[in-house]
Amino acid sequence: MFDLKSRQPVLTITLIGVCALIALASNLGENRAIIENFLISKYIGEGVWFLPEVKAGQYWRLITPIFIHFGLMHIVFNSLWLWELGGAIERTSQPWKLGALVLGLGLSSNLAQYIHAGPLFGGMSGVVYGLLGYVWAQGRFNPYARLILNQYVMIMMLVWFALCWTGMLGPIANMAHTAGLLMGLIWGWLEAMRIKSHRTH
């Protein structure tokens, strides 16, 4: 999809490595004692205050669900797209740009999924869909962008997005996908408008 041959995407590799380590330690999400440390909250059900651990100072929980994966295909799918999209962003920009995107997209997609369906979720796919939206918007609206997304890739990912919402593929953090995608599109568009405005003045 991208033909970028510059420096190695160290942050992208690190993120994939963290996902792999947590998947290994938790037996792909089956070890509840391990994944509880990374869930946005351990508490489920009515009468539970909103994000009690975060309010108590465990702020990392707002981000760490992105590192949890349930099943081999889950982590393989997310890692491949993180390598493709995150790596492209890191190579054409700076690691801090990808870091900011991962934090912003992870935070928004995690909160959306928690509000929608509670704390039992995980995965990098909200971030991946956000990166997809960001790269597409950059290619579409920023004439100076070095990131161009193949339209067939976008169509395939949107078809998968829709299939996930049908419920036929099992329990999936669909609201995380949705929030991540929307956030990425808005982020990419706003950045493209800022760059165009700066270049024309």
C-alpha atoms as a PDB file:
ATOM      1  CA  MET A   1       0.000   0.000   0.000  1.00  0.00           C
ATOM      2  CA  PHE A   2       2.774   2.445   0.932  1.00  0.00           C
ATOM      3  CA  ASP A   3       6.263   2.556  -0.562  1.00  0.00           C
ATOM      4  CA  LEU A   4       8.233   4.274   2.180  1.00  0.00           C
ATOM      5  CA  LYS A   5      11.828   3.271   2.729  1.00  0.00           C
ATOM      6  CA  SER A   6      13.102   5.756   5.300  1.00  0.00           C
ATOM      7  CA  ARG A   7      13.929   5.129   8.972  1.00  0.00           C
ATOM      8  CA  GLN A   8      12.587   2.192  10.925  1.00  0.00           C
ATOM      9  CA  PRO A   9       9.247   2.878  12.669  1.00  0.00           C
ATOM     10  CA  VAL A  10      10.521   2.292  16.199  1.00  0.00           C
ATOM     11  CA  LEU A  11       7.350   3.399  18.001  1.00  0.00           C
ATOM     12  CA  THR A  12       5.178   1.210  15.772  1.00  0.00           C
ATOM     13  CA  ILE A  13       7.399  -1.789  16.501  1.00  0.00           C
ATOM     14  CA  THR A  14       7.287  -0.985  20.232  1.00  0.00           C
ATOM     15  CA  LEU A  15       3.479  -0.795  20.264  1.00  0.00           C
ATOM     16  CA  ILE A  16       3.194  -4.147  18.488  1.00  0.00           C
ATOM     17  CA  GLY A  17       5.717  -5.600  20.927  1.00  0.00           C
ATOM     18  CA  VAL A  18       3.726  -4.427  23.959  1.00  0.00           C
ATOM     19  CA  CYS A  19       0.561  -5.971  22.488  1.00  0.00           C
ATOM     20  CA  ALA A  20       2.406  -9.240  21.914  1.00  0.00           C
ATOM     21  CA  LEU A  21       3.840  -9.333  25.448  1.00  0.00           C
ATOM     22  CA  ILE A  22       0.451  -8.719  27.060  1.00  0.00           C
ATOM     23  CA  ALA A  23      -1.193 -11.291  24.776  1.00  0.00           C
ATOM     24  CA  LEU A  24       1.452 -13.823  25.770  1.00  0.00           C
ATOM     25  CA  ALA A  25       1.245 -13.040  29.485  1.00  0.00           C
ATOM     26  CA  SER A  26      -2.572 -13.167  29.497  1.00  0.00           C
ATOM     27  CA  ASN A  27      -2.867 -16.230  27.258  1.00  0.00           C
ATOM     28  CA  LEU A  28      -4.639 -14.103  24.640  1.00  0.00           C
ATOM     29  CA  GLY A  29      -6.969 -12.544  27.159  1.00  0.00           C
ATOM     30  CA  GLU A  30      -7.993 -15.753  28.948  1.00  0.00           C
ATOM     31  CA  ASN A  31      -6.126 -14.933  32.158  1.00  0.00           C
ATOM     32  CA  ARG A  32      -8.509 -12.503  33.849  1.00  0.00           C
ATOM     33  CA  ALA A  33      -6.067 -11.765  36.674  1.00  0.00           C
ATOM     34  CA  ILE A  34      -3.636 -10.318  34.135  1.00  0.00           C
ATOM     35  CA  ILE A  35      -6.017  -8.394  31.907  1.00  0.00           C
ATOM     36  CA  GLU A  36      -7.772  -6.766  34.876  1.00  0.00           C
ATOM     37  CA  ASN A  37      -4.678  -4.624  35.264  1.00  0.00           C
ATOM     38  CA  PHE A  38      -5.204  -3.211  31.760  1.00  0.00           C
ATOM     39  CA  LEU A  39      -9.005  -2.936  31.544  1.00  0.00           C
ATOM     40  CA  ILE A  40     -10.436   0.565  31.697  1.00  0.00           C
ATOM     41  CA  SER A  41     -12.223  -0.624  34.859  1.00  0.00           C
ATOM     42  CA  LYS A  42     -12.610  -3.909  36.759  1.00  0.00           C
ATOM     43  CA  TYR A  43     -16.144  -3.114  37.888  1.00  0.00           C
ATOM     44  CA  ILE A  44     -19.257  -4.166  35.970  1.00  0.00           C
ATOM     45  CA  GLY A  45     -22.959  -3.624  36.470  1.00  0.00           C
ATOM     46  CA  GLU A  46     -25.389  -1.129  37.905  1.00  0.00           C
ATOM     47  CA  GLY A  47     -24.417   1.042  40.814  1.00  0.00           C
ATOM     48  CA  VAL A  48     -20.802   1.289  39.681  1.00  0.00           C
ATOM     49  CA  TRP A  49     -19.405   4.804  39.651  1.00  0.00           C
ATOM     50  CA  PHE A  50     -18.002   6.050  36.337  1.00  0.00           C
ATOM     51  CA  LEU A  51     -14.352   4.937  36.018  1.00  0.00           C
ATOM     52  CA  PRO A  52     -13.725   4.443  39.752  1.00  0.00           C
ATOM     53  CA  GLU A  53     -10.065   3.397  39.341  1.00  0.00           C
ATOM     54  CA  VAL A  54      -9.285   6.342  37.076  1.00  0.00           C
ATOM     55  CA  LYS A  55     -10.840   8.694  39.611  1.00  0.00           C
ATOM     56  CA  ALA A  56      -8.573   7.086  42.207  1.00  0.00           C
ATOM     57  CA  GLY A  57      -5.506   7.991  40.134  1.00  0.00           C
ATOM     58  CA  GLN A  58      -5.046   4.984  37.824  1.00  0.00           C
ATOM     59  CA  TYR A  59      -5.004   7.174  34.726  1.00  0.00           C
ATOM     60  CA  TRP A  60      -3.194   4.607  32.584  1.00  0.00           C
ATOM     61  CA  ARG A  61      -6.434   2.629  32.358  1.00  0.00           C
ATOM     62  CA  LEU A  62      -7.790   5.212  29.920  1.00  0.00           C
ATOM     63  CA  ILE A  63      -5.264   3.923  27.349  1.00  0.00           C
ATOM     64  CA  THR A  64      -4.179   0.387  28.306  1.00  0.00           C
ATOM     65  CA  PRO A  65      -7.233  -1.473  26.909  1.00  0.00           C
ATOM     66  CA  ILE A  66      -5.706  -0.972  23.441  1.00  0.00           C
ATOM     67  CA  PHE A  67      -2.979  -3.460  24.388  1.00  0.00           C
ATOM     68  CA  ILE A  68      -5.367  -6.308  25.342  1.00  0.00           C
ATOM     69  CA  HIS A  69      -6.241  -8.863  22.657  1.00  0.00           C
ATOM     70  CA  PHE A  70      -8.641 -11.794  22.708  1.00  0.00           C
ATOM     71  CA  GLY A  71      -7.573 -14.495  20.281  1.00  0.00           C
ATOM     72  CA  LEU A  72      -4.845 -14.979  17.715  1.00  0.00           C
ATOM     73  CA  MET A  73      -6.686 -13.444  14.759  1.00  0.00           C
ATOM     74  CA  HIS A  74      -7.514 -10.386  16.854  1.00  0.00           C
ATOM     75  CA  ILE A  75      -3.878  -9.530  17.546  1.00  0.00           C
ATOM     76  CA  VAL A  76      -2.639 -10.558  14.086  1.00  0.00           C
ATOM     77  CA  PHE A  77      -5.208  -8.358  12.307  1.00  0.00           C
ATOM     78  CA  ASN A  78      -4.525  -5.345  14.503  1.00  0.00           C
ATOM     79  CA  SER A  79      -0.748  -5.752  14.401  1.00  0.00           C
ATOM     80  CA  LEU A  80      -0.658  -5.969  10.612  1.00  0.00           C
ATOM     81  CA  TRP A  81      -2.705  -2.795  10.189  1.00  0.00           C
ATOM     82  CA  LEU A  82      -0.797  -0.987  12.912  1.00  0.00           C
ATOM     83  CA  TRP A  83       2.426  -1.882  11.101  1.00  0.00           C
ATOM     84  CA  GLU A  84       1.012  -0.669   7.771  1.00  0.00           C
ATOM     85  CA  LEU A  85      -0.748   2.515   8.876  1.00  0.00           C
ATOM     86  CA  GLY A  86       1.226   3.467  11.964  1.00  0.00           C
ATOM     87  CA  GLY A  87       4.499   2.665  10.247  1.00  0.00           C
ATOM     88  CA  ALA A  88       3.589   4.867   7.274  1.00  0.00           C
ATOM     89  CA  ILE A  89       2.709   7.799   9.525  1.00  0.00           C
ATOM     90  CA  GLU A  90       5.892   7.393  11.564  1.00  0.00           C
ATOM     91  CA  ARG A  91       8.102   7.191   8.469  1.00  0.00           C
ATOM     92  CA  THR A  92       6.605  10.279   6.819  1.00  0.00           C
ATOM     93  CA  SER A  93       6.434  12.331  10.002  1.00  0.00           C
ATOM     94  CA  GLN A  94       7.949  11.917  13.451  1.00  0.00           C
ATOM     95  CA  PRO A  95       7.341   9.350  16.210  1.00  0.00           C
ATOM     96  CA  TRP A  96       5.648  12.017  18.332  1.00  0.00           C
ATOM     97  CA  LYS A  97       2.945  12.431  15.669  1.00  0.00           C
ATOM     98  CA  LEU A  98       2.071   8.741  15.781  1.00  0.00           C
ATOM     99  CA  GLY A  99       2.283   8.822  19.581  1.00  0.00           C
ATOM    100  CA  ALA A 100      -0.167  11.709  19.757  1.00  0.00           C
ATOM    101  CA  LEU A 101      -2.540   9.931  17.381  1.00  0.00           C
ATOM    102  CA  VAL A 102      -2.409   6.670  19.333  1.00  0.00           C
ATOM    103  CA  LEU A 103      -3.071   8.469  22.630  1.00  0.00           C
ATOM    104  CA  GLY A 104      -5.897  10.606  21.246  1.00  0.00           C
ATOM    105  CA  LEU A 105      -7.546   7.818  19.274  1.00  0.00           C
ATOM    106  CA  GLY A 106      -7.064   5.297  22.073  1.00  0.00           C
ATOM    107  CA  LEU A 107      -8.586   7.615  24.656  1.00  0.00           C
ATOM    108  CA  SER A 108     -11.623   8.520  22.547  1.00  0.00           C
ATOM    109  CA  SER A 109     -12.330   4.967  21.348  1.00  0.00           C
ATOM    110  CA  ASN A 110     -11.897   3.465  24.838  1.00  0.00           C
ATOM    111  CA  LEU A 111     -14.231   5.985  26.458  1.00  0.00           C
ATOM    112  CA  ALA A 112     -16.843   5.533  23.733  1.00  0.00           C
ATOM    113  CA  GLN A 113     -16.815   1.748  24.106  1.00  0.00           C
ATOM    114  CA  TYR A 114     -16.931   1.936  27.907  1.00  0.00           C
ATOM    115  CA  ILE A 115     -19.923   4.275  27.860  1.00  0.00           C
ATOM    116  CA  HIS A 116     -21.652   2.115  25.248  1.00  0.00           C
ATOM    117  CA  ALA A 117     -21.101  -1.368  26.650  1.00  0.00           C
ATOM    118  CA  GLY A 118     -19.049  -1.389  29.843  1.00  0.00           C
ATOM    119  CA  PRO A 119     -15.415  -2.230  30.631  1.00  0.00           C
ATOM    120  CA  LEU A 120     -14.948  -5.722  29.207  1.00  0.00           C
ATOM    121  CA  PHE A 121     -13.237  -4.891  25.922  1.00  0.00           C
ATOM    122  CA  GLY A 122      -9.793  -4.541  24.463  1.00  0.00           C
ATOM    123  CA  GLY A 123      -7.806  -4.269  21.280  1.00  0.00           C
ATOM    124  CA  MET A 124      -5.965  -1.846  19.037  1.00  0.00           C
ATOM    125  CA  SER A 125      -8.719  -1.781  16.410  1.00  0.00           C
ATOM    126  CA  GLY A 126     -10.226   1.531  17.548  1.00  0.00           C
ATOM    127  CA  VAL A 127      -6.797   3.087  17.040  1.00  0.00           C
ATOM    128  CA  VAL A 128      -6.360   1.238  13.730  1.00  0.00           C
ATOM    129  CA  TYR A 129      -9.656   2.576  12.383  1.00  0.00           C
ATOM    130  CA  GLY A 130      -8.658   6.015  13.587  1.00  0.00           C
ATOM    131  CA  LEU A 131      -5.341   5.806  11.754  1.00  0.00           C
ATOM    132  CA  LEU A 132      -7.239   4.621   8.683  1.00  0.00           C
ATOM    133  CA  GLY A 133      -9.499   7.677   8.833  1.00  0.00           C
ATOM    134  CA  TYR A 134      -6.554   9.998   9.415  1.00  0.00           C
ATOM    135  CA  VAL A 135      -4.529   8.647   6.485  1.00  0.00           C
ATOM    136  CA  TRP A 136      -7.563   8.729   4.160  1.00  0.00           C
ATOM    137  CA  ALA A 137      -8.368  12.342   5.102  1.00  0.00           C
ATOM    138  CA  GLN A 138      -4.760  13.396   4.619  1.00  0.00           C
ATOM    139  CA  GLY A 139      -4.643  11.819   1.172  1.00  0.00           C
ATOM    140  CA  ARG A 140      -8.006  13.296   0.213  1.00  0.00           C
ATOM    141  CA  PHE A 141      -7.713  16.857   1.533  1.00  0.00           C
ATOM    142  CA  ASN A 142      -4.001  17.586   1.921  1.00  0.00           C
ATOM    143  CA  PRO A 143      -2.311  18.135  -1.465  1.00  0.00           C
ATOM    144  CA  TYR A 144       1.095  18.017   0.251  1.00  0.00           C
ATOM    145  CA  ALA A 145       0.504  14.698   2.012  1.00  0.00           C
ATOM    146  CA  ARG A 146       2.888  11.821   1.490  1.00  0.00           C
ATOM    147  CA  LEU A 147       0.183   9.449   2.708  1.00  0.00           C
ATOM    148  CA  ILE A 148      -2.152   8.119   0.028  1.00  0.00           C
ATOM    149  CA  LEU A 149      -4.550   5.309   0.897  1.00  0.00           C
ATOM    150  CA  ASN A 150      -5.660   2.920  -1.827  1.00  0.00           C
ATOM    151  CA  GLN A 151      -9.439   3.322  -2.251  1.00  0.00           C
ATOM    152  CA  TYR A 152      -9.929  -0.446  -2.302  1.00  0.00           C
ATOM    153  CA  VAL A 153      -8.281  -0.735   1.105  1.00  0.00           C
ATOM    154  CA  MET A 154     -10.700   1.851   2.472  1.00  0.00           C
ATOM    155  CA  ILE A 155     -13.670   0.015   0.912  1.00  0.00           C
ATOM    156  CA  MET A 156     -12.525  -3.328   2.327  1.00  0.00           C
ATOM    157  CA  MET A 157     -12.082  -1.885   5.813  1.00  0.00           C
ATOM    158  CA  LEU A 158     -15.490  -0.204   5.699  1.00  0.00           C
ATOM    159  CA  VAL A 159     -17.121  -3.460   4.600  1.00  0.00           C
ATOM    160  CA  TRP A 160     -15.447  -5.191   7.551  1.00  0.00           C
ATOM    161  CA  PHE A 161     -16.601  -2.324   9.784  1.00  0.00           C
ATOM    162  CA  ALA A 162     -20.210  -2.861   8.681  1.00  0.00           C
ATOM    163  CA  LEU A 163     -20.002  -6.648   9.063  1.00  0.00           C
ATOM    164  CA  CYS A 164     -18.786  -6.218  12.625  1.00  0.00           C
ATOM    165  CA  TRP A 165     -21.869  -4.142  13.451  1.00  0.00           C
ATOM    166  CA  THR A 166     -24.184  -6.947  12.236  1.00  0.00           C
ATOM    167  CA  GLY A 167     -23.123  -9.156  15.145  1.00  0.00           C
ATOM    168  CA  MET A 168     -22.359 -12.092  12.832  1.00  0.00           C
ATOM    169  CA  LEU A 169     -18.673 -11.996  13.795  1.00  0.00           C
ATOM    170  CA  GLY A 170     -19.233 -12.263  17.522  1.00  0.00           C
ATOM    171  CA  PRO A 171     -18.684  -9.739  20.314  1.00  0.00           C
ATOM    172  CA  ILE A 172     -16.665  -6.835  18.914  1.00  0.00           C
ATOM    173  CA  ALA A 173     -15.944  -3.356  20.298  1.00  0.00           C
ATOM    174  CA  ASN A 174     -17.908  -1.666  17.532  1.00  0.00           C
ATOM    175  CA  MET A 175     -18.288   1.656  19.302  1.00  0.00           C
ATOM    176  CA  ALA A 176     -14.494   1.820  19.672  1.00  0.00           C
ATOM    177  CA  HIS A 177     -14.209   1.286  15.893  1.00  0.00           C
ATOM    178  CA  THR A 178     -16.771   4.003  15.249  1.00  0.00           C
ATOM    179  CA  ALA A 179     -15.311   6.588  17.612  1.00  0.00           C
ATOM    180  CA  GLY A 180     -11.784   5.889  16.390  1.00  0.00           C
ATOM    181  CA  LEU A 181     -12.758   6.204  12.729  1.00  0.00           C
ATOM    182  CA  LEU A 182     -14.665   9.462  13.262  1.00  0.00           C
ATOM    183  CA  MET A 183     -11.883  10.925  15.390  1.00  0.00           C
ATOM    184  CA  GLY A 184      -9.276   9.979  12.789  1.00  0.00           C
ATOM    185  CA  LEU A 185     -11.290  11.507   9.942  1.00  0.00           C
ATOM    186  CA  ILE A 186     -11.809  14.761  11.845  1.00  0.00           C
ATOM    187  CA  TRP A 187      -8.172  14.906  12.957  1.00  0.00           C
ATOM    188  CA  GLY A 188      -6.885  14.280   9.443  1.00  0.00           C
ATOM    189  CA  TRP A 189      -9.250  16.829   7.909  1.00  0.00           C
ATOM    190  CA  LEU A 190      -8.456  19.558  10.451  1.00  0.00           C
ATOM    191  CA  GLU A 191      -4.737  19.013  10.007  1.00  0.00           C
ATOM    192  CA  ALA A 192      -5.105  19.125   6.213  1.00  0.00           C
ATOM    193  CA  MET A 193      -7.017  22.413   6.431  1.00  0.00           C
ATOM    194  CA  ARG A 194      -4.350  23.883   8.726  1.00  0.00           C
ATOM    195  CA  ILE A 195      -1.541  22.865   6.356  1.00  0.00           C
ATOM    196  CA  LYS A 196      -3.354  24.231   3.288  1.00  0.00           C
ATOM    197  CA  SER A 197      -4.040  27.515   5.067  1.00  0.00           C
ATOM    198  CA  HIS A 198      -0.418  27.812   6.179  1.00  0.00           C
ATOM    199  CA  ARG A 199       0.928  27.067   2.698  1.00  0.00           C
ATOM    200  CA  THR A 200      -1.337  29.623   1.010  1.00  0.00           C
ATOM    201  CA  HIS A 201      -0.376  32.526   3.278  1.00  0.00           C
END
